[in-house]
């Protein structure tokens, strides 16, 4: 699993610092230079398609790293311990 987490951290995408819920929309907007409100509206519209919008958002929420490099799925599987770069397994303060 460490290789998967390392790969996820290596992609040049992070959740946005100006997030409303999970930071996925803000991260996409920041990455591509789009308006975050437009991205949020597009995601809400995609939720009308049952397995496209919501399922994709949930997978992104579990796998995409925060600004500090921590990944929610990794933290959940490690019992709340953070496994970000430079501090594998340390507890978040």
PDB file of N, CA and C in Angstrom:
ATOM      1  N   UNK A   1       0.815  -1.198   0.000  1.00  0.00           N
ATOM      2  CA  UNK A   1       0.000   0.000   0.000  1.00  0.00           C
ATOM      3  C   UNK A   1       0.855   1.258   0.000  1.00  0.00           C
ATOM      4  N   UNK A   2       2.054   1.185   0.574  1.00  0.00           N
ATOM      5  CA  UNK A   2       2.914   2.371   0.622  1.00  0.00           C
ATOM      6  C   UNK A   2       3.231   2.888  -0.777  1.00  0.00           C
ATOM      7  N   UNK A   3       3.406   1.973  -1.737  1.00  0.00           N
ATOM      8  CA  UNK A   3       3.687   2.397  -3.111  1.00  0.00           C
ATOM      9  C   UNK A   3       2.511   3.166  -3.698  1.00  0.00           C
ATOM     10  N   UNK A   4       1.304   2.735  -3.379  1.00  0.00           N
ATOM     11  CA  UNK A   4       0.109   3.431  -3.867  1.00  0.00           C
ATOM     12  C   UNK A   4       0.042   4.828  -3.263  1.00  0.00           C
ATOM     13  N   UNK A   5       0.262   4.936  -1.971  1.00  0.00           N
ATOM     14  CA  UNK A   5       0.219   6.242  -1.315  1.00  0.00           C
ATOM     15  C   UNK A   5       1.326   7.152  -1.849  1.00  0.00           C
ATOM     16  N   UNK A   6       2.494   6.598  -2.063  1.00  0.00           N
ATOM     17  CA  UNK A   6       3.610   7.382  -2.607  1.00  0.00           C
ATOM     18  C   UNK A   6       3.257   7.891  -4.006  1.00  0.00           C
ATOM     19  N   UNK A   7       2.617   7.048  -4.811  1.00  0.00           N
ATOM     20  CA  UNK A   7       2.194   7.449  -6.157  1.00  0.00           C
ATOM     21  C   UNK A   7       1.160   8.558  -6.098  1.00  0.00           C
ATOM     22  N   UNK A   8       0.217   8.435  -5.178  1.00  0.00           N
ATOM     23  CA  UNK A   8      -0.807   9.469  -5.042  1.00  0.00           C
ATOM     24  C   UNK A   8      -0.204  10.801  -4.618  1.00  0.00           C
ATOM     25  N   UNK A   9       0.794  10.749  -3.748  1.00  0.00           N
ATOM     26  CA  UNK A   9       1.445  11.995  -3.317  1.00  0.00           C
ATOM     27  C   UNK A   9       2.290  12.608  -4.426  1.00  0.00           C
ATOM     28  N   UNK A  10       2.729  11.799  -5.384  1.00  0.00           N
ATOM     29  CA  UNK A  10       3.594  12.318  -6.437  1.00  0.00           C
ATOM     30  C   UNK A  10       2.827  13.057  -7.531  1.00  0.00           C
ATOM     31  N   UNK A  11       1.513  12.847  -7.640  1.00  0.00           N
ATOM     32  CA  UNK A  11       0.762  13.580  -8.657  1.00  0.00           C
ATOM     33  C   UNK A  11       0.690  15.050  -8.244  1.00  0.00           C
ATOM     34  N   UNK A  12       0.741  15.947  -9.203  1.00  0.00           N
ATOM     35  CA  UNK A  12       0.778  17.381  -8.869  1.00  0.00           C
ATOM     36  C   UNK A  12      -0.616  17.944  -8.573  1.00  0.00           C
ATOM     37  N   UNK A  13      -1.345  17.304  -7.713  1.00  0.00           N
ATOM     38  CA  UNK A  13      -2.692  17.754  -7.361  1.00  0.00           C
ATOM     39  C   UNK A  13      -2.866  17.645  -5.855  1.00  0.00           C
ATOM     40  N   UNK A  14      -3.378  18.677  -5.264  1.00  0.00           N
ATOM     41  CA  UNK A  14      -3.703  18.687  -3.837  1.00  0.00           C
ATOM     42  C   UNK A  14      -5.083  19.277  -3.669  1.00  0.00           C
ATOM     43  N   UNK A  15      -5.714  18.901  -2.594  1.00  0.00           N
ATOM     44  CA  UNK A  15      -6.999  19.511  -2.288  1.00  0.00           C
ATOM     45  C   UNK A  15      -6.784  20.998  -2.055  1.00  0.00           C
ATOM     46  N   UNK A  16      -7.749  21.779  -2.484  1.00  0.00           N
ATOM     47  CA  UNK A  16      -7.610  23.227  -2.374  1.00  0.00           C
ATOM     48  C   UNK A  16      -7.652  23.728  -0.945  1.00  0.00           C
ATOM     49  N   UNK A  17      -6.873  24.763  -0.672  1.00  0.00           N
ATOM     50  CA  UNK A  17      -6.880  25.326   0.683  1.00  0.00           C
ATOM     51  C   UNK A  17      -8.179  26.080   0.993  1.00  0.00           C
ATOM     52  N   UNK A  18      -8.874  26.549  -0.054  1.00  0.00           N
ATOM     53  CA  UNK A  18     -10.134  27.280   0.140  1.00  0.00           C
ATOM     54  C   UNK A  18     -11.303  26.326  -0.091  1.00  0.00           C
ATOM     55  N   UNK A  19     -11.384  25.314   0.744  1.00  0.00           N
ATOM     56  CA  UNK A  19     -12.379  24.266   0.522  1.00  0.00           C
ATOM     57  C   UNK A  19     -13.675  24.546   1.272  1.00  0.00           C
ATOM     58  N   UNK A  20     -14.740  23.971   0.741  1.00  0.00           N
ATOM     59  CA  UNK A  20     -16.039  24.037   1.415  1.00  0.00           C
ATOM     60  C   UNK A  20     -16.292  22.726   2.138  1.00  0.00           C
ATOM     61  N   UNK A  21     -16.116  21.614   1.432  1.00  0.00           N
ATOM     62  CA  UNK A  21     -16.390  20.314   2.033  1.00  0.00           C
ATOM     63  C   UNK A  21     -15.103  19.503   2.090  1.00  0.00           C
ATOM     64  N   UNK A  22     -14.714  18.921   0.976  1.00  0.00           N
ATOM     65  CA  UNK A  22     -13.522  18.079   0.967  1.00  0.00           C
ATOM     66  C   UNK A  22     -12.340  18.682   0.237  1.00  0.00           C
ATOM     67  N   UNK A  23     -12.543  19.804  -0.427  1.00  0.00           N
ATOM     68  CA  UNK A  23     -11.458  20.461  -1.136  1.00  0.00           C
ATOM     69  C   UNK A  23     -11.200  19.946  -2.530  1.00  0.00           C
ATOM     70  N   UNK A  24     -12.007  19.001  -2.999  1.00  0.00           N
ATOM     71  CA  UNK A  24     -11.799  18.427  -4.320  1.00  0.00           C
ATOM     72  C   UNK A  24     -12.040  19.479  -5.400  1.00  0.00           C
ATOM     73  N   UNK A  25     -13.146  20.185  -5.328  1.00  0.00           N
ATOM     74  CA  UNK A  25     -13.482  21.195  -6.337  1.00  0.00           C
ATOM     75  C   UNK A  25     -12.479  22.348  -6.315  1.00  0.00           C
ATOM     76  N   UNK A  26     -12.111  22.794  -5.128  1.00  0.00           N
ATOM     77  CA  UNK A  26     -11.139  23.887  -5.016  1.00  0.00           C
ATOM     78  C   UNK A  26      -9.779  23.453  -5.552  1.00  0.00           C
ATOM     79  N   UNK A  27      -9.408  22.200  -5.326  1.00  0.00           N
ATOM     80  CA  UNK A  27      -8.150  21.687  -5.850  1.00  0.00           C
ATOM     81  C   UNK A  27      -8.150  21.616  -7.368  1.00  0.00           C
ATOM     82  N   UNK A  28      -9.260  21.146  -7.952  1.00  0.00           N
ATOM     83  CA  UNK A  28      -9.377  21.117  -9.409  1.00  0.00           C
ATOM     84  C   UNK A  28      -9.310  22.521  -9.990  1.00  0.00           C
ATOM     85  N   UNK A  29     -10.031  23.443  -9.361  1.00  0.00           N
ATOM     86  CA  UNK A  29     -10.042  24.825  -9.840  1.00  0.00           C
ATOM     87  C   UNK A  29      -8.646  25.437  -9.771  1.00  0.00           C
ATOM     88  N   UNK A  30      -7.930  25.207  -8.691  1.00  0.00           N
ATOM     89  CA  UNK A  30      -6.585  25.757  -8.545  1.00  0.00           C
ATOM     90  C   UNK A  30      -5.626  25.139  -9.556  1.00  0.00           C
ATOM     91  N   UNK A  31      -5.756  23.841  -9.778  1.00  0.00           N
ATOM     92  CA  UNK A  31      -4.861  23.140 -10.703  1.00  0.00           C
ATOM     93  C   UNK A  31      -4.999  23.654 -12.124  1.00  0.00           C
ATOM     94  N   UNK A  32      -6.235  23.895 -12.563  1.00  0.00           N
ATOM     95  CA  UNK A  32      -6.479  24.280 -13.957  1.00  0.00           C
ATOM     96  C   UNK A  32      -6.752  25.773 -14.142  1.00  0.00           C
ATOM     97  N   UNK A  33      -6.747  26.532 -13.056  1.00  0.00           N
ATOM     98  CA  UNK A  33      -6.969  27.970 -13.158  1.00  0.00           C
ATOM     99  C   UNK A  33      -8.417  28.348 -13.417  1.00  0.00           C
ATOM    100  N   UNK A  34      -9.342  27.514 -12.970  1.00  0.00           N
ATOM    101  CA  UNK A  34     -10.759  27.774 -13.166  1.00  0.00           C
ATOM    102  C   UNK A  34     -11.347  28.446 -11.943  1.00  0.00           C
ATOM    103  N   UNK A  35     -12.542  28.971 -12.096  1.00  0.00           N
ATOM    104  CA  UNK A  35     -13.277  29.563 -10.990  1.00  0.00           C
ATOM    105  C   UNK A  35     -13.833  28.429 -10.114  1.00  0.00           C
ATOM    106  N   UNK A  36     -13.549  28.421  -8.822  1.00  0.00           N
ATOM    107  CA  UNK A  36     -14.031  27.333  -7.953  1.00  0.00           C
ATOM    108  C   UNK A  36     -15.556  27.196  -7.941  1.00  0.00           C
ATOM    109  N   UNK A  37     -16.270  28.296  -8.054  1.00  0.00           N
ATOM    110  CA  UNK A  37     -17.733  28.236  -8.048  1.00  0.00           C
ATOM    111  C   UNK A  37     -18.256  27.459  -9.256  1.00  0.00           C
ATOM    112  N   UNK A  38     -17.646  27.676 -10.412  1.00  0.00           N
ATOM    113  CA  UNK A  38     -18.052  26.954 -11.627  1.00  0.00           C
ATOM    114  C   UNK A  38     -17.799  25.459 -11.459  1.00  0.00           C
ATOM    115  N   UNK A  39     -16.661  25.102 -10.895  1.00  0.00           N
ATOM    116  CA  UNK A  39     -16.340  23.684 -10.678  1.00  0.00           C
ATOM    117  C   UNK A  39     -17.336  23.076  -9.692  1.00  0.00           C
ATOM    118  N   UNK A  40     -17.656  23.795  -8.634  1.00  0.00           N
ATOM    119  CA  UNK A  40     -18.624  23.287  -7.651  1.00  0.00           C
ATOM    120  C   UNK A  40     -19.994  23.066  -8.280  1.00  0.00           C
ATOM    121  N   UNK A  41     -20.431  23.983  -9.117  1.00  0.00           N
ATOM    122  CA  UNK A  41     -21.725  23.823  -9.793  1.00  0.00           C
ATOM    123  C   UNK A  41     -21.685  22.617 -10.724  1.00  0.00           C
ATOM    124  N   UNK A  42     -20.583  22.440 -11.461  1.00  0.00           N
ATOM    125  CA  UNK A  42     -20.454  21.288 -12.362  1.00  0.00           C
ATOM    126  C   UNK A  42     -20.501  19.976 -11.577  1.00  0.00           C
ATOM    127  N   UNK A  43     -19.855  19.941 -10.423  1.00  0.00           N
ATOM    128  CA  UNK A  43     -19.868  18.724  -9.602  1.00  0.00           C
ATOM    129  C   UNK A  43     -21.274  18.462  -9.070  1.00  0.00           C
ATOM    130  N   UNK A  44     -21.965  19.498  -8.631  1.00  0.00           N
ATOM    131  CA  UNK A  44     -23.344  19.314  -8.156  1.00  0.00           C
ATOM    132  C   UNK A  44     -24.240  18.791  -9.271  1.00  0.00           C
ATOM    133  N   UNK A  45     -24.051  19.282 -10.481  1.00  0.00           N
ATOM    134  CA  UNK A  45     -24.825  18.768 -11.620  1.00  0.00           C
ATOM    135  C   UNK A  45     -24.460  17.310 -11.889  1.00  0.00           C
ATOM    136  N   UNK A  46     -23.184  16.959 -11.741  1.00  0.00           N
ATOM    137  CA  UNK A  46     -22.781  15.569 -11.979  1.00  0.00           C
ATOM    138  C   UNK A  46     -23.398  14.616 -10.958  1.00  0.00           C
ATOM    139  N   UNK A  47     -23.797  15.140  -9.796  1.00  0.00           N
ATOM    140  CA  UNK A  47     -24.454  14.293  -8.793  1.00  0.00           C
ATOM    141  C   UNK A  47     -25.827  13.808  -9.259  1.00  0.00           C
ATOM    142  N   UNK A  48     -26.378  14.417 -10.299  1.00  0.00           N
ATOM    143  CA  UNK A  48     -27.648  13.962 -10.856  1.00  0.00           C
ATOM    144  C   UNK A  48     -27.499  12.599 -11.541  1.00  0.00           C
ATOM    145  N   UNK A  49     -26.272  12.269 -11.943  1.00  0.00           N
ATOM    146  CA  UNK A  49     -25.989  10.977 -12.547  1.00  0.00           C
ATOM    147  C   UNK A  49     -25.455  10.083 -11.429  1.00  0.00           C
ATOM    148  N   UNK A  50     -26.250   9.120 -10.966  1.00  0.00           N
ATOM    149  CA  UNK A  50     -25.984   8.409  -9.721  1.00  0.00           C
ATOM    150  C   UNK A  50     -24.558   7.882  -9.523  1.00  0.00           C
ATOM    151  N   UNK A  51     -24.014   7.166 -10.475  1.00  0.00           N
ATOM    152  CA  UNK A  51     -22.720   6.538 -10.223  1.00  0.00           C
ATOM    153  C   UNK A  51     -21.558   7.330 -10.781  1.00  0.00           C
ATOM    154  N   UNK A  52     -21.833   8.378 -11.501  1.00  0.00           N
ATOM    155  CA  UNK A  52     -20.743   9.172 -12.059  1.00  0.00           C
ATOM    156  C   UNK A  52     -20.293  10.223 -11.047  1.00  0.00           C
ATOM    157  N   UNK A  53     -21.194  11.068 -10.644  1.00  0.00           N
ATOM    158  CA  UNK A  53     -20.838  12.186  -9.782  1.00  0.00           C
ATOM    159  C   UNK A  53     -20.468  11.808  -8.371  1.00  0.00           C
ATOM    160  N   UNK A  54     -21.389  11.213  -7.662  1.00  0.00           N
ATOM    161  CA  UNK A  54     -21.172  10.914  -6.243  1.00  0.00           C
ATOM    162  C   UNK A  54     -20.064   9.882  -6.036  1.00  0.00           C
ATOM    163  N   UNK A  55     -20.071   8.831  -6.825  1.00  0.00           N
ATOM    164  CA  UNK A  55     -19.041   7.786  -6.670  1.00  0.00           C
ATOM    165  C   UNK A  55     -17.652   8.352  -6.976  1.00  0.00           C
ATOM    166  N   UNK A  56     -17.543   9.137  -8.036  1.00  0.00           N
ATOM    167  CA  UNK A  56     -16.254   9.734  -8.393  1.00  0.00           C
ATOM    168  C   UNK A  56     -15.776  10.674  -7.298  1.00  0.00           C
ATOM    169  N   UNK A  57     -16.690  11.476  -6.757  1.00  0.00           N
ATOM    170  CA  UNK A  57     -16.318  12.411  -5.702  1.00  0.00           C
ATOM    171  C   UNK A  57     -15.852  11.665  -4.451  1.00  0.00           C
ATOM    172  N   UNK A  58     -16.558  10.592  -4.083  1.00  0.00           N
ATOM    173  CA  UNK A  58     -16.166   9.824  -2.901  1.00  0.00           C
ATOM    174  C   UNK A  58     -14.796   9.163  -3.063  1.00  0.00           C
ATOM    175  N   UNK A  59     -14.532   8.623  -4.251  1.00  0.00           N
ATOM    176  CA  UNK A  59     -13.216   8.022  -4.501  1.00  0.00           C
ATOM    177  C   UNK A  59     -12.138   9.097  -4.428  1.00  0.00           C
ATOM    178  N   UNK A  60     -12.396  10.245  -5.045  1.00  0.00           N
ATOM    179  CA  UNK A  60     -11.428  11.348  -4.989  1.00  0.00           C
ATOM    180  C   UNK A  60     -11.222  11.804  -3.556  1.00  0.00           C
ATOM    181  N   UNK A  61     -12.295  11.865  -2.780  1.00  0.00           N
ATOM    182  CA  UNK A  61     -12.194  12.302  -1.385  1.00  0.00           C
ATOM    183  C   UNK A  61     -11.330  11.332  -0.573  1.00  0.00           C
ATOM    184  N   UNK A  62     -11.428  10.054  -0.851  1.00  0.00           N
ATOM    185  CA  UNK A  62     -10.628   9.060  -0.117  1.00  0.00           C
ATOM    186  C   UNK A  62      -9.162   9.039  -0.526  1.00  0.00           C
ATOM    187  N   UNK A  63      -8.874   9.317  -1.800  1.00  0.00           N
ATOM    188  CA  UNK A  63      -7.533   9.081  -2.319  1.00  0.00           C
ATOM    189  C   UNK A  63      -6.669  10.323  -2.532  1.00  0.00           C
ATOM    190  N   UNK A  64      -7.268  11.475  -2.720  1.00  0.00           N
ATOM    191  CA  UNK A  64      -6.457  12.654  -3.024  1.00  0.00           C
ATOM    192  C   UNK A  64      -5.866  13.266  -1.761  1.00  0.00           C
ATOM    193  N   UNK A  65      -4.592  13.614  -1.810  1.00  0.00           N
ATOM    194  CA  UNK A  65      -3.916  14.126  -0.618  1.00  0.00           C
ATOM    195  C   UNK A  65      -4.317  15.553  -0.251  1.00  0.00           C
ATOM    196  N   UNK A  66      -4.223  15.834   1.046  1.00  0.00           N
ATOM    197  CA  UNK A  66      -4.416  17.183   1.554  1.00  0.00           C
ATOM    198  C   UNK A  66      -3.167  17.991   1.252  1.00  0.00           C
ATOM    199  N   UNK A  67      -3.173  19.245   1.609  1.00  0.00           N
ATOM    200  CA  UNK A  67      -2.022  20.123   1.384  1.00  0.00           C
ATOM    201  C   UNK A  67      -0.764  19.602   2.087  1.00  0.00           C
ATOM    202  N   UNK A  68      -0.938  18.942   3.228  1.00  0.00           N
ATOM    203  CA  UNK A  68       0.220  18.440   3.983  1.00  0.00           C
ATOM    204  C   UNK A  68       0.681  17.052   3.521  1.00  0.00           C
ATOM    205  N   UNK A  69       0.030  16.488   2.500  1.00  0.00           N
ATOM    206  CA  UNK A  69       0.426  15.193   1.971  1.00  0.00           C
ATOM    207  C   UNK A  69      -0.293  14.004   2.584  1.00  0.00           C
ATOM    208  N   UNK A  70      -1.120  14.226   3.610  1.00  0.00           N
ATOM    209  CA  UNK A  70      -1.839  13.099   4.213  1.00  0.00           C
ATOM    210  C   UNK A  70      -3.012  12.690   3.327  1.00  0.00           C
ATOM    211  N   UNK A  71      -3.306  11.394   3.327  1.00  0.00           N
ATOM    212  CA  UNK A  71      -4.361  10.823   2.501  1.00  0.00           C
ATOM    213  C   UNK A  71      -5.416  10.230   3.427  1.00  0.00           C
ATOM    214  N   UNK A  72      -6.706  10.624   3.270  1.00  0.00           N
ATOM    215  CA  UNK A  72      -7.744  10.140   4.183  1.00  0.00           C
ATOM    216  C   UNK A  72      -7.847   8.620   4.286  1.00  0.00           C
ATOM    217  N   UNK A  73      -7.746   7.902   3.176  1.00  0.00           N
ATOM    218  CA  UNK A  73      -7.835   6.437   3.230  1.00  0.00           C
ATOM    219  C   UNK A  73      -6.688   5.854   4.047  1.00  0.00           C
ATOM    220  N   UNK A  74      -5.494   6.384   3.866  1.00  0.00           N
ATOM    221  CA  UNK A  74      -4.335   5.913   4.619  1.00  0.00           C
ATOM    222  C   UNK A  74      -4.532   6.166   6.114  1.00  0.00           C
ATOM    223  N   UNK A  75      -5.018   7.334   6.457  1.00  0.00           N
ATOM    224  CA  UNK A  75      -5.246   7.648   7.868  1.00  0.00           C
ATOM    225  C   UNK A  75      -6.315   6.742   8.458  1.00  0.00           C
ATOM    226  N   UNK A  76      -7.363   6.448   7.681  1.00  0.00           N
ATOM    227  CA  UNK A  76      -8.430   5.575   8.176  1.00  0.00           C
ATOM    228  C   UNK A  76      -7.915   4.159   8.411  1.00  0.00           C
ATOM    229  N   UNK A  77      -7.100   3.666   7.498  1.00  0.00           N
ATOM    230  CA  UNK A  77      -6.572   2.309   7.639  1.00  0.00           C
ATOM    231  C   UNK A  77      -5.487   2.208   8.704  1.00  0.00           C
ATOM    232  N   UNK A  78      -4.840   3.327   9.016  1.00  0.00           N
ATOM    233  CA  UNK A  78      -3.792   3.343  10.036  1.00  0.00           C
ATOM    234  C   UNK A  78      -4.331   3.742  11.405  1.00  0.00           C
ATOM    235  N   UNK A  79      -5.612   3.766  11.572  1.00  0.00           N
ATOM    236  CA  UNK A  79      -6.200   4.104  12.869  1.00  0.00           C
ATOM    237  C   UNK A  79      -6.030   5.568  13.253  1.00  0.00           C
ATOM    238  N   UNK A  80      -6.054   6.465  12.278  1.00  0.00           N
ATOM    239  CA  UNK A  80      -5.945   7.891  12.560  1.00  0.00           C
ATOM    240  C   UNK A  80      -4.549   8.440  12.504  1.00  0.00           C
ATOM    241  N   UNK A  81      -3.564   7.566  12.324  1.00  0.00           N
ATOM    242  CA  UNK A  81      -2.178   8.049  12.228  1.00  0.00           C
ATOM    243  C   UNK A  81      -1.943   8.636  10.856  1.00  0.00           C
ATOM    244  N   UNK A  82      -1.158   9.651  10.835  1.00  0.00           N
ATOM    245  CA  UNK A  82      -0.839  10.327   9.595  1.00  0.00           C
ATOM    246  C   UNK A  82       0.387   9.687   8.975  1.00  0.00           C
ATOM    247  N   UNK A  83       0.368   9.510   7.658  1.00  0.00           N
ATOM    248  CA  UNK A  83       1.511   8.918   6.990  1.00  0.00           C
ATOM    249  C   UNK A  83       2.072   9.822   5.920  1.00  0.00           C
ATOM    250  N   UNK A  84       2.059  11.113   6.149  1.00  0.00           N
ATOM    251  CA  UNK A  84       2.546  12.065   5.170  1.00  0.00           C
ATOM    252  C   UNK A  84       4.036  11.961   4.958  1.00  0.00           C
ATOM    253  N   UNK A  85       4.540  12.704   3.982  1.00  0.00           N
ATOM    254  CA  UNK A  85       5.964  12.623   3.670  1.00  0.00           C
ATOM    255  C   UNK A  85       6.827  13.072   4.837  1.00  0.00           C
ATOM    256  N   UNK A  86       7.828  12.293   5.133  1.00  0.00           N
ATOM    257  CA  UNK A  86       8.755  12.639   6.199  1.00  0.00           C
ATOM    258  C   UNK A  86       8.300  12.229   7.583  1.00  0.00           C
ATOM    259  N   UNK A  87       7.038  11.838   7.725  1.00  0.00           N
ATOM    260  CA  UNK A  87       6.532  11.468   9.046  1.00  0.00           C
ATOM    261  C   UNK A  87       5.630  10.251   8.939  1.00  0.00           C
ATOM    262  N   UNK A  88       6.094   9.149   8.406  1.00  0.00           N
ATOM    263  CA  UNK A  88       5.210   7.990   8.298  1.00  0.00           C
ATOM    264  C   UNK A  88       4.776   7.476   9.648  1.00  0.00           C
ATOM    265  N   UNK A  89       3.484   7.350   9.787  1.00  0.00           N
ATOM    266  CA  UNK A  89       2.936   6.773  11.004  1.00  0.00           C
ATOM    267  C   UNK A  89       2.867   7.702  12.183  1.00  0.00           C
ATOM    268  N   UNK A  90       3.262   8.966  12.065  1.00  0.00           N
ATOM    269  CA  UNK A  90       3.210   9.856  13.218  1.00  0.00           C
ATOM    270  C   UNK A  90       1.787  10.354  13.438  1.00  0.00           C
ATOM    271  N   UNK A  91       1.472  10.677  14.670  1.00  0.00           N
ATOM    272  CA  UNK A  91       0.141  11.169  14.975  1.00  0.00           C
ATOM    273  C   UNK A  91       0.050  12.638  14.652  1.00  0.00           C
ATOM    274  N   UNK A  92      -1.080  13.004  14.070  1.00  0.00           N
ATOM    275  CA  UNK A  92      -1.301  14.401  13.738  1.00  0.00           C
ATOM    276  C   UNK A  92      -1.696  15.151  14.990  1.00  0.00           C
ATOM    277  N   UNK A  93      -1.131  16.325  15.171  1.00  0.00           N
ATOM    278  CA  UNK A  93      -1.391  17.112  16.369  1.00  0.00           C
ATOM    279  C   UNK A  93      -2.457  18.121  16.122  1.00  0.00           C
TER     280      UNK A  93
END
